[in-house]
């Protein structure tokens, strides 16, 4: 069972909607990098039981994402904010080369600051 990093991302978005045990198993497996055997030993159940619980939880996360698309929207928004920041930087640099309008410089700085603030929330 190869570890899928997108599951770890989805766990951040939808983990609270899983049962406590499902969430714990996924956190052990993806965040703490424990093997199925290690989780089974720690929890006092079979390796197969851990595998089945993880597979069910992964399926639930993927189903939630297919219905809600929160992780995809987040990725799209981050990409858009990265583009906004890059464009604001280009406007600032072009303004420095071609005449230095204080208003343009301030507007570019405000755009960049707003986009960066949105990325950190």
PDB file of N, CA and C in Angstrom:
ATOM      1  N   UNK A   1       0.868  -1.173   0.000  1.00  0.00           N
ATOM      2  CA  UNK A   1       0.000   0.000   0.000  1.00  0.00           C
ATOM      3  C   UNK A   1       0.910   1.230   0.000  1.00  0.00           C
ATOM      4  N   UNK A   2       1.049   1.872  -1.156  1.00  0.00           N
ATOM      5  CA  UNK A   2       1.893   3.058  -1.271  1.00  0.00           C
ATOM      6  C   UNK A   2       1.204   4.256  -0.626  1.00  0.00           C
ATOM      7  N   UNK A   3       1.977   5.076   0.034  1.00  0.00           N
ATOM      8  CA  UNK A   3       1.412   6.248   0.706  1.00  0.00           C
ATOM      9  C   UNK A   3       1.132   7.339  -0.316  1.00  0.00           C
ATOM     10  N   UNK A   4      -0.085   7.796  -0.328  1.00  0.00           N
ATOM     11  CA  UNK A   4      -0.549   8.823  -1.261  1.00  0.00           C
ATOM     12  C   UNK A   4      -0.576  10.154  -0.513  1.00  0.00           C
ATOM     13  N   UNK A   5       0.287  11.074  -0.915  1.00  0.00           N
ATOM     14  CA  UNK A   5       0.373  12.356  -0.222  1.00  0.00           C
ATOM     15  C   UNK A   5      -0.900  13.170  -0.350  1.00  0.00           C
ATOM     16  N   UNK A   6      -1.695  12.931  -1.395  1.00  0.00           N
ATOM     17  CA  UNK A   6      -2.949  13.667  -1.513  1.00  0.00           C
ATOM     18  C   UNK A   6      -3.907  13.267  -0.400  1.00  0.00           C
ATOM     19  N   UNK A   7      -3.810  12.032   0.091  1.00  0.00           N
ATOM     20  CA  UNK A   7      -4.649  11.606   1.215  1.00  0.00           C
ATOM     21  C   UNK A   7      -4.286  12.422   2.453  1.00  0.00           C
ATOM     22  N   UNK A   8      -2.997  12.647   2.664  1.00  0.00           N
ATOM     23  CA  UNK A   8      -2.572  13.460   3.809  1.00  0.00           C
ATOM     24  C   UNK A   8      -3.148  14.874   3.702  1.00  0.00           C
ATOM     25  N   UNK A   9      -3.189  15.422   2.497  1.00  0.00           N
ATOM     26  CA  UNK A   9      -3.778  16.741   2.284  1.00  0.00           C
ATOM     27  C   UNK A   9      -5.276  16.709   2.577  1.00  0.00           C
ATOM     28  N   UNK A  10      -5.962  15.695   2.062  1.00  0.00           N
ATOM     29  CA  UNK A  10      -7.402  15.575   2.286  1.00  0.00           C
ATOM     30  C   UNK A  10      -7.720  15.373   3.761  1.00  0.00           C
ATOM     31  N   UNK A  11      -6.831  14.703   4.469  1.00  0.00           N
ATOM     32  CA  UNK A  11      -7.022  14.512   5.906  1.00  0.00           C
ATOM     33  C   UNK A  11      -7.066  15.856   6.620  1.00  0.00           C
ATOM     34  N   UNK A  12      -6.261  16.790   6.159  1.00  0.00           N
ATOM     35  CA  UNK A  12      -6.292  18.130   6.733  1.00  0.00           C
ATOM     36  C   UNK A  12      -7.616  18.847   6.494  1.00  0.00           C
ATOM     37  N   UNK A  13      -8.239  18.586   5.361  1.00  0.00           N
ATOM     38  CA  UNK A  13      -9.510  19.236   5.029  1.00  0.00           C
ATOM     39  C   UNK A  13     -10.708  18.542   5.671  1.00  0.00           C
ATOM     40  N   UNK A  14     -10.711  17.217   5.640  1.00  0.00           N
ATOM     41  CA  UNK A  14     -11.918  16.482   6.011  1.00  0.00           C
ATOM     42  C   UNK A  14     -11.735  15.556   7.215  1.00  0.00           C
ATOM     43  N   UNK A  15     -10.569  15.565   7.820  1.00  0.00           N
ATOM     44  CA  UNK A  15     -10.274  14.622   8.897  1.00  0.00           C
ATOM     45  C   UNK A  15     -11.269  14.650  10.043  1.00  0.00           C
ATOM     46  N   UNK A  16     -11.773  15.821  10.361  1.00  0.00           N
ATOM     47  CA  UNK A  16     -12.719  15.938  11.484  1.00  0.00           C
ATOM     48  C   UNK A  16     -14.049  15.249  11.189  1.00  0.00           C
ATOM     49  N   UNK A  17     -14.301  14.919   9.941  1.00  0.00           N
ATOM     50  CA  UNK A  17     -15.549  14.254   9.575  1.00  0.00           C
ATOM     51  C   UNK A  17     -15.448  12.732   9.679  1.00  0.00           C
ATOM     52  N   UNK A  18     -14.242  12.216   9.897  1.00  0.00           N
ATOM     53  CA  UNK A  18     -14.041  10.784  10.082  1.00  0.00           C
ATOM     54  C   UNK A  18     -14.266  10.414  11.545  1.00  0.00           C
ATOM     55  N   UNK A  19     -14.367   9.116  11.803  1.00  0.00           N
ATOM     56  CA  UNK A  19     -14.429   8.692  13.198  1.00  0.00           C
ATOM     57  C   UNK A  19     -13.067   8.940  13.835  1.00  0.00           C
ATOM     58  N   UNK A  20     -13.032   8.964  15.140  1.00  0.00           N
ATOM     59  CA  UNK A  20     -11.778   9.213  15.840  1.00  0.00           C
ATOM     60  C   UNK A  20     -10.738   8.148  15.486  1.00  0.00           C
ATOM     61  N   UNK A  21     -11.144   6.885  15.438  1.00  0.00           N
ATOM     62  CA  UNK A  21     -10.206   5.793  15.117  1.00  0.00           C
ATOM     63  C   UNK A  21      -9.691   5.921  13.690  1.00  0.00           C
ATOM     64  N   UNK A  22     -10.572   6.206  12.743  1.00  0.00           N
ATOM     65  CA  UNK A  22     -10.130   6.372  11.362  1.00  0.00           C
ATOM     66  C   UNK A  22      -9.105   7.494  11.264  1.00  0.00           C
ATOM     67  N   UNK A  23      -9.408   8.607  11.898  1.00  0.00           N
ATOM     68  CA  UNK A  23      -8.509   9.762  11.869  1.00  0.00           C
ATOM     69  C   UNK A  23      -7.169   9.400  12.502  1.00  0.00           C
ATOM     70  N   UNK A  24      -7.214   8.716  13.654  1.00  0.00           N
ATOM     71  CA  UNK A  24      -5.970   8.333  14.322  1.00  0.00           C
ATOM     72  C   UNK A  24      -5.140   7.407  13.441  1.00  0.00           C
ATOM     73  N   UNK A  25      -5.764   6.409  12.832  1.00  0.00           N
ATOM     74  CA  UNK A  25      -5.017   5.481  11.975  1.00  0.00           C
ATOM     75  C   UNK A  25      -4.368   6.213  10.805  1.00  0.00           C
ATOM     76  N   UNK A  26      -5.113   7.112  10.179  1.00  0.00           N
ATOM     77  CA  UNK A  26      -4.538   7.865   9.067  1.00  0.00           C
ATOM     78  C   UNK A  26      -3.415   8.784   9.532  1.00  0.00           C
ATOM     79  N   UNK A  27      -3.584   9.406  10.689  1.00  0.00           N
ATOM     80  CA  UNK A  27      -2.523  10.271  11.216  1.00  0.00           C
ATOM     81  C   UNK A  27      -1.270   9.454  11.530  1.00  0.00           C
ATOM     82  N   UNK A  28      -1.448   8.287  12.132  1.00  0.00           N
ATOM     83  CA  UNK A  28      -0.295   7.418  12.394  1.00  0.00           C
ATOM     84  C   UNK A  28       0.397   7.056  11.085  1.00  0.00           C
ATOM     85  N   UNK A  29      -0.380   6.693  10.113  1.00  0.00           N
ATOM     86  CA  UNK A  29       0.164   6.192   8.851  1.00  0.00           C
ATOM     87  C   UNK A  29       0.791   7.301   8.007  1.00  0.00           C
ATOM     88  N   UNK A  30       0.094   8.419   7.871  1.00  0.00           N
ATOM     89  CA  UNK A  30       0.576   9.485   6.986  1.00  0.00           C
ATOM     90  C   UNK A  30       1.448  10.524   7.674  1.00  0.00           C
ATOM     91  N   UNK A  31       1.089  10.929   8.876  1.00  0.00           N
ATOM     92  CA  UNK A  31       1.846  11.993   9.542  1.00  0.00           C
ATOM     93  C   UNK A  31       3.018  11.464  10.351  1.00  0.00           C
ATOM     94  N   UNK A  32       2.812  10.331  11.033  1.00  0.00           N
ATOM     95  CA  UNK A  32       3.879   9.780  11.875  1.00  0.00           C
ATOM     96  C   UNK A  32       4.671   8.694  11.157  1.00  0.00           C
ATOM     97  N   UNK A  33       4.256   8.348   9.950  1.00  0.00           N
ATOM     98  CA  UNK A  33       4.949   7.383   9.097  1.00  0.00           C
ATOM     99  C   UNK A  33       5.111   6.012   9.759  1.00  0.00           C
ATOM    100  N   UNK A  34       4.102   5.599  10.535  1.00  0.00           N
ATOM    101  CA  UNK A  34       4.127   4.259  11.123  1.00  0.00           C
ATOM    102  C   UNK A  34       3.670   3.241  10.088  1.00  0.00           C
ATOM    103  N   UNK A  35       4.208   2.039  10.175  1.00  0.00           N
ATOM    104  CA  UNK A  35       3.776   0.976   9.273  1.00  0.00           C
ATOM    105  C   UNK A  35       2.459   0.397   9.765  1.00  0.00           C
ATOM    106  N   UNK A  36       1.812  -0.376   8.903  1.00  0.00           N
ATOM    107  CA  UNK A  36       0.575  -1.031   9.302  1.00  0.00           C
ATOM    108  C   UNK A  36       0.805  -1.942  10.504  1.00  0.00           C
ATOM    109  N   UNK A  37       1.920  -2.642  10.503  1.00  0.00           N
ATOM    110  CA  UNK A  37       2.252  -3.538  11.615  1.00  0.00           C
ATOM    111  C   UNK A  37       2.454  -2.771  12.915  1.00  0.00           C
ATOM    112  N   UNK A  38       3.123  -1.628  12.835  1.00  0.00           N
ATOM    113  CA  UNK A  38       3.346  -0.822  14.035  1.00  0.00           C
ATOM    114  C   UNK A  38       2.027  -0.289  14.599  1.00  0.00           C
ATOM    115  N   UNK A  39       1.155   0.155  13.715  1.00  0.00           N
ATOM    116  CA  UNK A  39      -0.150   0.647  14.169  1.00  0.00           C
ATOM    117  C   UNK A  39      -0.937  -0.491  14.798  1.00  0.00           C
ATOM    118  N   UNK A  40      -0.929  -1.647  14.138  1.00  0.00           N
ATOM    119  CA  UNK A  40      -1.659  -2.814  14.656  1.00  0.00           C
ATOM    120  C   UNK A  40      -1.154  -3.195  16.041  1.00  0.00           C
ATOM    121  N   UNK A  41       0.145  -3.221  16.211  1.00  0.00           N
ATOM    122  CA  UNK A  41       0.721  -3.575  17.510  1.00  0.00           C
ATOM    123  C   UNK A  41       0.333  -2.550  18.573  1.00  0.00           C
ATOM    124  N   UNK A  42       0.420  -1.271  18.249  1.00  0.00           N
ATOM    125  CA  UNK A  42       0.062  -0.209  19.203  1.00  0.00           C
ATOM    126  C   UNK A  42      -1.420  -0.239  19.577  1.00  0.00           C
ATOM    127  N   UNK A  43      -2.265  -0.622  18.631  1.00  0.00           N
ATOM    128  CA  UNK A  43      -3.716  -0.591  18.845  1.00  0.00           C
ATOM    129  C   UNK A  43      -4.277  -1.942  19.298  1.00  0.00           C
ATOM    130  N   UNK A  44      -3.458  -2.980  19.247  1.00  0.00           N
ATOM    131  CA  UNK A  44      -3.906  -4.301  19.679  1.00  0.00           C
ATOM    132  C   UNK A  44      -4.893  -4.949  18.726  1.00  0.00           C
ATOM    133  N   UNK A  45      -4.745  -4.668  17.432  1.00  0.00           N
ATOM    134  CA  UNK A  45      -5.592  -5.313  16.433  1.00  0.00           C
ATOM    135  C   UNK A  45      -4.705  -5.883  15.332  1.00  0.00           C
ATOM    136  N   UNK A  46      -5.319  -6.585  14.389  1.00  0.00           N
ATOM    137  CA  UNK A  46      -4.536  -7.211  13.320  1.00  0.00           C
ATOM    138  C   UNK A  46      -4.073  -6.169  12.305  1.00  0.00           C
ATOM    139  N   UNK A  47      -3.014  -6.515  11.609  1.00  0.00           N
ATOM    140  CA  UNK A  47      -2.504  -5.665  10.536  1.00  0.00           C
ATOM    141  C   UNK A  47      -3.577  -5.485   9.471  1.00  0.00           C
ATOM    142  N   UNK A  48      -4.294  -6.565   9.168  1.00  0.00           N
ATOM    143  CA  UNK A  48      -5.365  -6.509   8.174  1.00  0.00           C
ATOM    144  C   UNK A  48      -6.490  -5.569   8.629  1.00  0.00           C
ATOM    145  N   UNK A  49      -6.784  -5.570   9.918  1.00  0.00           N
ATOM    146  CA  UNK A  49      -7.801  -4.667  10.451  1.00  0.00           C
ATOM    147  C   UNK A  49      -7.405  -3.210  10.268  1.00  0.00           C
ATOM    148  N   UNK A  50      -6.130  -2.926  10.499  1.00  0.00           N
ATOM    149  CA  UNK A  50      -5.625  -1.561  10.295  1.00  0.00           C
ATOM    150  C   UNK A  50      -5.707  -1.192   8.822  1.00  0.00           C
ATOM    151  N   UNK A  51      -5.266  -2.101   7.958  1.00  0.00           N
ATOM    152  CA  UNK A  51      -5.296  -1.846   6.517  1.00  0.00           C
ATOM    153  C   UNK A  51      -6.718  -1.562   6.049  1.00  0.00           C
ATOM    154  N   UNK A  52      -7.662  -2.391   6.477  1.00  0.00           N
ATOM    155  CA  UNK A  52      -9.059  -2.202   6.073  1.00  0.00           C
ATOM    156  C   UNK A  52      -9.604  -0.853   6.562  1.00  0.00           C
ATOM    157  N   UNK A  53      -9.283  -0.491   7.801  1.00  0.00           N
ATOM    158  CA  UNK A  53      -9.759   0.788   8.356  1.00  0.00           C
ATOM    159  C   UNK A  53      -9.167   1.956   7.584  1.00  0.00           C
ATOM    160  N   UNK A  54      -7.895   1.876   7.240  1.00  0.00           N
ATOM    161  CA  UNK A  54      -7.246   2.946   6.479  1.00  0.00           C
ATOM    162  C   UNK A  54      -7.843   3.043   5.088  1.00  0.00           C
ATOM    163  N   UNK A  55      -8.048   1.904   4.435  1.00  0.00           N
ATOM    164  CA  UNK A  55      -8.639   1.914   3.095  1.00  0.00           C
ATOM    165  C   UNK A  55     -10.041   2.522   3.103  1.00  0.00           C
ATOM    166  N   UNK A  56     -10.864   2.168   4.098  1.00  0.00           N
ATOM    167  CA  UNK A  56     -12.212   2.735   4.199  1.00  0.00           C
ATOM    168  C   UNK A  56     -12.142   4.249   4.419  1.00  0.00           C
ATOM    169  N   UNK A  57     -11.244   4.665   5.301  1.00  0.00           N
ATOM    170  CA  UNK A  57     -11.114   6.102   5.590  1.00  0.00           C
ATOM    171  C   UNK A  57     -10.617   6.857   4.359  1.00  0.00           C
ATOM    172  N   UNK A  58      -9.657   6.288   3.642  1.00  0.00           N
ATOM    173  CA  UNK A  58      -9.169   6.928   2.413  1.00  0.00           C
ATOM    174  C   UNK A  58     -10.301   7.072   1.398  1.00  0.00           C
ATOM    175  N   UNK A  59     -11.092   6.025   1.260  1.00  0.00           N
ATOM    176  CA  UNK A  59     -12.221   6.076   0.333  1.00  0.00           C
ATOM    177  C   UNK A  59     -13.202   7.182   0.732  1.00  0.00           C
ATOM    178  N   UNK A  60     -13.464   7.301   2.023  1.00  0.00           N
ATOM    179  CA  UNK A  60     -14.362   8.360   2.494  1.00  0.00           C
ATOM    180  C   UNK A  60     -13.803   9.742   2.188  1.00  0.00           C
ATOM    181  N   UNK A  61     -12.503   9.933   2.405  1.00  0.00           N
ATOM    182  CA  UNK A  61     -11.884  11.233   2.112  1.00  0.00           C
ATOM    183  C   UNK A  61     -11.990  11.567   0.625  1.00  0.00           C
ATOM    184  N   UNK A  62     -11.710  10.582  -0.214  1.00  0.00           N
ATOM    185  CA  UNK A  62     -11.788  10.800  -1.658  1.00  0.00           C
ATOM    186  C   UNK A  62     -13.229  11.091  -2.087  1.00  0.00           C
ATOM    187  N   UNK A  63     -14.179  10.415  -1.482  1.00  0.00           N
ATOM    188  CA  UNK A  63     -15.588  10.656  -1.784  1.00  0.00           C
ATOM    189  C   UNK A  63     -15.991  12.070  -1.367  1.00  0.00           C
ATOM    190  N   UNK A  64     -15.562  12.502  -0.180  1.00  0.00           N
ATOM    191  CA  UNK A  64     -15.869  13.860   0.274  1.00  0.00           C
ATOM    192  C   UNK A  64     -15.291  14.890  -0.679  1.00  0.00           C
ATOM    193  N   UNK A  65     -14.051  14.670  -1.126  1.00  0.00           N
ATOM    194  CA  UNK A  65     -13.415  15.617  -2.041  1.00  0.00           C
ATOM    195  C   UNK A  65     -14.140  15.628  -3.382  1.00  0.00           C
ATOM    196  N   UNK A  66     -14.582  14.463  -3.851  1.00  0.00           N
ATOM    197  CA  UNK A  66     -15.276  14.437  -5.149  1.00  0.00           C
ATOM    198  C   UNK A  66     -16.596  15.193  -5.072  1.00  0.00           C
ATOM    199  N   UNK A  67     -17.217  15.230  -3.895  1.00  0.00           N
ATOM    200  CA  UNK A  67     -18.483  15.937  -3.741  1.00  0.00           C
ATOM    201  C   UNK A  67     -18.300  17.427  -3.431  1.00  0.00           C
ATOM    202  N   UNK A  68     -17.293  17.749  -2.618  1.00  0.00           N
ATOM    203  CA  UNK A  68     -17.142  19.118  -2.128  1.00  0.00           C
ATOM    204  C   UNK A  68     -16.031  19.913  -2.812  1.00  0.00           C
ATOM    205  N   UNK A  69     -14.990  19.251  -3.255  1.00  0.00           N
ATOM    206  CA  UNK A  69     -13.852  19.868  -3.967  1.00  0.00           C
ATOM    207  C   UNK A  69     -13.161  20.972  -3.176  1.00  0.00           C
ATOM    208  N   UNK A  70     -13.142  20.887  -1.857  1.00  0.00           N
ATOM    209  CA  UNK A  70     -12.496  21.938  -1.064  1.00  0.00           C
ATOM    210  C   UNK A  70     -10.991  21.988  -1.294  1.00  0.00           C
ATOM    211  N   UNK A  71     -10.350  20.831  -1.339  1.00  0.00           N
ATOM    212  CA  UNK A  71      -8.900  20.805  -1.535  1.00  0.00           C
ATOM    213  C   UNK A  71      -8.538  21.339  -2.927  1.00  0.00           C
ATOM    214  N   UNK A  72      -9.331  20.983  -3.933  1.00  0.00           N
ATOM    215  CA  UNK A  72      -9.064  21.471  -5.281  1.00  0.00           C
ATOM    216  C   UNK A  72      -9.256  22.981  -5.358  1.00  0.00           C
ATOM    217  N   UNK A  73     -10.303  23.482  -4.736  1.00  0.00           N
ATOM    218  CA  UNK A  73     -10.536  24.935  -4.730  1.00  0.00           C
ATOM    219  C   UNK A  73      -9.407  25.654  -4.010  1.00  0.00           C
ATOM    220  N   UNK A  74      -8.938  25.065  -2.915  1.00  0.00           N
ATOM    221  CA  UNK A  74      -7.822  25.651  -2.170  1.00  0.00           C
ATOM    222  C   UNK A  74      -6.580  25.722  -3.058  1.00  0.00           C
ATOM    223  N   UNK A  75      -6.274  24.625  -3.763  1.00  0.00           N
ATOM    224  CA  UNK A  75      -5.100  24.596  -4.644  1.00  0.00           C
ATOM    225  C   UNK A  75      -5.248  25.622  -5.764  1.00  0.00           C
ATOM    226  N   UNK A  76      -6.447  25.725  -6.332  1.00  0.00           N
ATOM    227  CA  UNK A  76      -6.685  26.709  -7.392  1.00  0.00           C
ATOM    228  C   UNK A  76      -6.512  28.135  -6.867  1.00  0.00           C
ATOM    229  N   UNK A  77      -7.025  28.381  -5.676  1.00  0.00           N
ATOM    230  CA  UNK A  77      -6.915  29.719  -5.093  1.00  0.00           C
ATOM    231  C   UNK A  77      -5.449  30.060  -4.795  1.00  0.00           C
ATOM    232  N   UNK A  78      -4.712  29.098  -4.278  1.00  0.00           N
ATOM    233  CA  UNK A  78      -3.290  29.330  -3.991  1.00  0.00           C
ATOM    234  C   UNK A  78      -2.532  29.634  -5.279  1.00  0.00           C
ATOM    235  N   UNK A  79      -2.821  28.882  -6.325  1.00  0.00           N
ATOM    236  CA  UNK A  79      -2.176  29.139  -7.620  1.00  0.00           C
ATOM    237  C   UNK A  79      -2.506  30.547  -8.115  1.00  0.00           C
ATOM    238  N   UNK A  80      -3.767  30.943  -7.988  1.00  0.00           N
ATOM    239  CA  UNK A  80      -4.177  32.284  -8.404  1.00  0.00           C
ATOM    240  C   UNK A  80      -3.492  33.367  -7.595  1.00  0.00           C
ATOM    241  N   UNK A  81      -3.386  33.165  -6.292  1.00  0.00           N
ATOM    242  CA  UNK A  81      -2.709  34.156  -5.446  1.00  0.00           C
ATOM    243  C   UNK A  81      -1.224  34.244  -5.779  1.00  0.00           C
ATOM    244  N   UNK A  82      -0.610  33.107  -6.085  1.00  0.00           N
ATOM    245  CA  UNK A  82       0.797  33.119  -6.510  1.00  0.00           C
ATOM    246  C   UNK A  82       0.959  33.953  -7.782  1.00  0.00           C
ATOM    247  N   UNK A  83       0.025  33.802  -8.718  1.00  0.00           N
ATOM    248  CA  UNK A  83       0.072  34.584  -9.961  1.00  0.00           C
ATOM    249  C   UNK A  83      -0.130  36.074  -9.691  1.00  0.00           C
ATOM    250  N   UNK A  84      -1.046  36.403  -8.802  1.00  0.00           N
ATOM    251  CA  UNK A  84      -1.287  37.800  -8.447  1.00  0.00           C
ATOM    252  C   UNK A  84      -0.031  38.419  -7.844  1.00  0.00           C
ATOM    253  N   UNK A  85       0.615  37.696  -6.938  1.00  0.00           N
ATOM    254  CA  UNK A  85       1.847  38.191  -6.310  1.00  0.00           C
ATOM    255  C   UNK A  85       2.932  38.411  -7.357  1.00  0.00           C
ATOM    256  N   UNK A  86       3.077  37.451  -8.283  1.00  0.00           N
ATOM    257  CA  UNK A  86       4.097  37.578  -9.332  1.00  0.00           C
ATOM    258  C   UNK A  86       3.795  38.772 -10.239  1.00  0.00           C
ATOM    259  N   UNK A  87       2.532  38.959 -10.584  1.00  0.00           N
ATOM    260  CA  UNK A  87       2.166  40.107 -11.435  1.00  0.00           C
ATOM    261  C   UNK A  87       2.394  41.431 -10.717  1.00  0.00           C
ATOM    262  N   UNK A  88       2.059  41.489  -9.445  1.00  0.00           N
ATOM    263  CA  UNK A  88       2.288  42.721  -8.673  1.00  0.00           C
ATOM    264  C   UNK A  88       3.779  43.038  -8.630  1.00  0.00           C
ATOM    265  N   UNK A  89       4.593  42.006  -8.507  1.00  0.00           N
ATOM    266  CA  UNK A  89       6.049  42.207  -8.506  1.00  0.00           C
ATOM    267  C   UNK A  89       6.516  42.726  -9.863  1.00  0.00           C
ATOM    268  N   UNK A  90       5.962  42.184 -10.941  1.00  0.00           N
ATOM    269  CA  UNK A  90       6.320  42.657 -12.285  1.00  0.00           C
ATOM    270  C   UNK A  90       5.919  44.116 -12.488  1.00  0.00           C
ATOM    271  N   UNK A  91       4.735  44.487 -12.015  1.00  0.00           N
ATOM    272  CA  UNK A  91       4.287  45.878 -12.125  1.00  0.00           C
ATOM    273  C   UNK A  91       5.241  46.785 -11.357  1.00  0.00           C
ATOM    274  N   UNK A  92       5.613  46.378 -10.163  1.00  0.00           N
ATOM    275  CA  UNK A  92       6.545  47.167  -9.348  1.00  0.00           C
ATOM    276  C   UNK A  92       7.886  47.343 -10.073  1.00  0.00           C
ATOM    277  N   UNK A  93       8.426  46.231 -10.606  1.00  0.00           N
ATOM    278  CA  UNK A  93       9.717  46.297 -11.292  1.00  0.00           C
ATOM    279  C   UNK A  93       9.633  47.151 -12.562  1.00  0.00           C
ATOM    280  N   UNK A  94       8.554  47.002 -13.310  1.00  0.00           N
ATOM    281  CA  UNK A  94       8.377  47.812 -14.519  1.00  0.00           C
ATOM    282  C   UNK A  94       8.247  49.290 -14.158  1.00  0.00           C
ATOM    283  N   UNK A  95       7.550  49.558 -13.088  1.00  0.00           N
ATOM    284  CA  UNK A  95       7.395  50.942 -12.628  1.00  0.00           C
ATOM    285  C   UNK A  95       8.750  51.545 -12.256  1.00  0.00           C
ATOM    286  N   UNK A  96       9.618  50.774 -11.627  1.00  0.00           N
ATOM    287  CA  UNK A  96      10.955  51.256 -11.275  1.00  0.00           C
ATOM    288  C   UNK A  96      11.773  51.584 -12.525  1.00  0.00           C
ATOM    289  N   UNK A  97      11.614  50.742 -13.566  1.00  0.00           N
ATOM    290  CA  UNK A  97      12.393  50.948 -14.792  1.00  0.00           C
ATOM    291  C   UNK A  97      11.866  52.104 -15.644  1.00  0.00           C
ATOM    292  N   UNK A  98      10.594  52.410 -15.554  1.00  0.00           N
ATOM    293  CA  UNK A  98       9.979  53.310 -16.540  1.00  0.00           C
ATOM    294  C   UNK A  98       9.404  54.598 -15.981  1.00  0.00           C
ATOM    295  N   UNK A  99       9.731  54.994 -14.823  1.00  0.00           N
ATOM    296  CA  UNK A  99       9.244  56.304 -14.453  1.00  0.00           C
ATOM    297  C   UNK A  99       8.859  56.481 -13.010  1.00  0.00           C
ATOM    298  N   UNK A 100       8.717  55.469 -12.276  1.00  0.00           N
ATOM    299  CA  UNK A 100       8.461  55.517 -10.840  1.00  0.00           C
ATOM    300  C   UNK A 100       7.283  56.392 -10.445  1.00  0.00           C
ATOM    301  N   UNK A 101       6.122  55.878 -10.692  1.00  0.00           N
ATOM    302  CA  UNK A 101       4.907  56.505 -10.190  1.00  0.00           C
ATOM    303  C   UNK A 101       4.676  55.983  -8.774  1.00  0.00           C
ATOM    304  N   UNK A 102       4.613  56.898  -7.825  1.00  0.00           N
ATOM    305  CA  UNK A 102       4.420  56.504  -6.426  1.00  0.00           C
ATOM    306  C   UNK A 102       3.092  55.771  -6.261  1.00  0.00           C
ATOM    307  N   UNK A 103       2.054  56.229  -6.960  1.00  0.00           N
ATOM    308  CA  UNK A 103       0.733  55.607  -6.861  1.00  0.00           C
ATOM    309  C   UNK A 103       0.749  54.163  -7.355  1.00  0.00           C
ATOM    310  N   UNK A 104       1.405  53.933  -8.470  1.00  0.00           N
ATOM    311  CA  UNK A 104       1.509  52.573  -9.012  1.00  0.00           C
ATOM    312  C   UNK A 104       2.303  51.691  -8.062  1.00  0.00           C
ATOM    313  N   UNK A 105       3.397  52.224  -7.550  1.00  0.00           N
ATOM    314  CA  UNK A 105       4.222  51.469  -6.609  1.00  0.00           C
ATOM    315  C   UNK A 105       3.425  51.090  -5.363  1.00  0.00           C
ATOM    316  N   UNK A 106       2.669  52.031  -4.827  1.00  0.00           N
ATOM    317  CA  UNK A 106       1.863  51.759  -3.634  1.00  0.00           C
ATOM    318  C   UNK A 106       0.750  50.748  -3.927  1.00  0.00           C
ATOM    319  N   UNK A 107       0.127  50.879  -5.101  1.00  0.00           N
ATOM    320  CA  UNK A 107      -0.938  49.937  -5.467  1.00  0.00           C
ATOM    321  C   UNK A 107      -0.378  48.523  -5.635  1.00  0.00           C
ATOM    322  N   UNK A 108       0.776  48.392  -6.275  1.00  0.00           N
ATOM    323  CA  UNK A 108       1.403  47.078  -6.454  1.00  0.00           C
ATOM    324  C   UNK A 108       1.770  46.478  -5.099  1.00  0.00           C
ATOM    325  N   UNK A 109       2.287  47.299  -4.205  1.00  0.00           N
ATOM    326  CA  UNK A 109       2.638  46.821  -2.865  1.00  0.00           C
ATOM    327  C   UNK A 109       1.397  46.377  -2.099  1.00  0.00           C
ATOM    328  N   UNK A 110       0.303  47.124  -2.243  1.00  0.00           N
ATOM    329  CA  UNK A 110      -0.949  46.767  -1.569  1.00  0.00           C
ATOM    330  C   UNK A 110      -1.525  45.466  -2.123  1.00  0.00           C
ATOM    331  N   UNK A 111      -1.477  45.298  -3.437  1.00  0.00           N
ATOM    332  CA  UNK A 111      -1.958  44.056  -4.062  1.00  0.00           C
ATOM    333  C   UNK A 111      -1.150  42.871  -3.550  1.00  0.00           C
ATOM    334  N   UNK A 112       0.165  43.011  -3.555  1.00  0.00           N
ATOM    335  CA  UNK A 112       1.041  41.944  -3.097  1.00  0.00           C
ATOM    336  C   UNK A 112       0.794  41.620  -1.621  1.00  0.00           C
ATOM    337  N   UNK A 113       0.653  42.650  -0.794  1.00  0.00           N
ATOM    338  CA  UNK A 113       0.438  42.436   0.642  1.00  0.00           C
ATOM    339  C   UNK A 113      -0.905  41.747   0.900  1.00  0.00           C
ATOM    340  N   UNK A 114      -1.940  42.156   0.166  1.00  0.00           N
ATOM    341  CA  UNK A 114      -3.264  41.555   0.331  1.00  0.00           C
ATOM    342  C   UNK A 114      -3.237  40.086  -0.091  1.00  0.00           C
ATOM    343  N   UNK A 115      -2.610  39.792  -1.217  1.00  0.00           N
ATOM    344  CA  UNK A 115      -2.522  38.398  -1.689  1.00  0.00           C
ATOM    345  C   UNK A 115      -1.729  37.541  -0.709  1.00  0.00           C
ATOM    346  N   UNK A 116      -0.639  38.077  -0.192  1.00  0.00           N
ATOM    347  CA  UNK A 116       0.166  37.322   0.779  1.00  0.00           C
ATOM    348  C   UNK A 116      -0.601  37.081   2.069  1.00  0.00           C
ATOM    349  N   UNK A 117      -1.386  38.068   2.494  1.00  0.00           N
ATOM    350  CA  UNK A 117      -2.201  37.896   3.700  1.00  0.00           C
ATOM    351  C   UNK A 117      -3.258  36.823   3.480  1.00  0.00           C
ATOM    352  N   UNK A 118      -3.862  36.784   2.318  1.00  0.00           N
ATOM    353  CA  UNK A 118      -4.852  35.762   2.002  1.00  0.00           C
ATOM    354  C   UNK A 118      -4.236  34.366   1.984  1.00  0.00           C
ATOM    355  N   UNK A 119      -2.992  34.279   1.534  1.00  0.00           N
ATOM    356  CA  UNK A 119      -2.322  32.973   1.497  1.00  0.00           C
ATOM    357  C   UNK A 119      -2.021  32.445   2.888  1.00  0.00           C
ATOM    358  N   UNK A 120      -1.833  33.324   3.833  1.00  0.00           N
ATOM    359  CA  UNK A 120      -1.455  32.888   5.186  1.00  0.00           C
ATOM    360  C   UNK A 120      -2.653  32.545   6.055  1.00  0.00           C
ATOM    361  N   UNK A 121      -3.868  32.772   5.551  1.00  0.00           N
ATOM    362  CA  UNK A 121      -5.049  32.452   6.352  1.00  0.00           C
ATOM    363  C   UNK A 121      -5.566  31.072   6.031  1.00  0.00           C
TER     364      UNK A 121
END
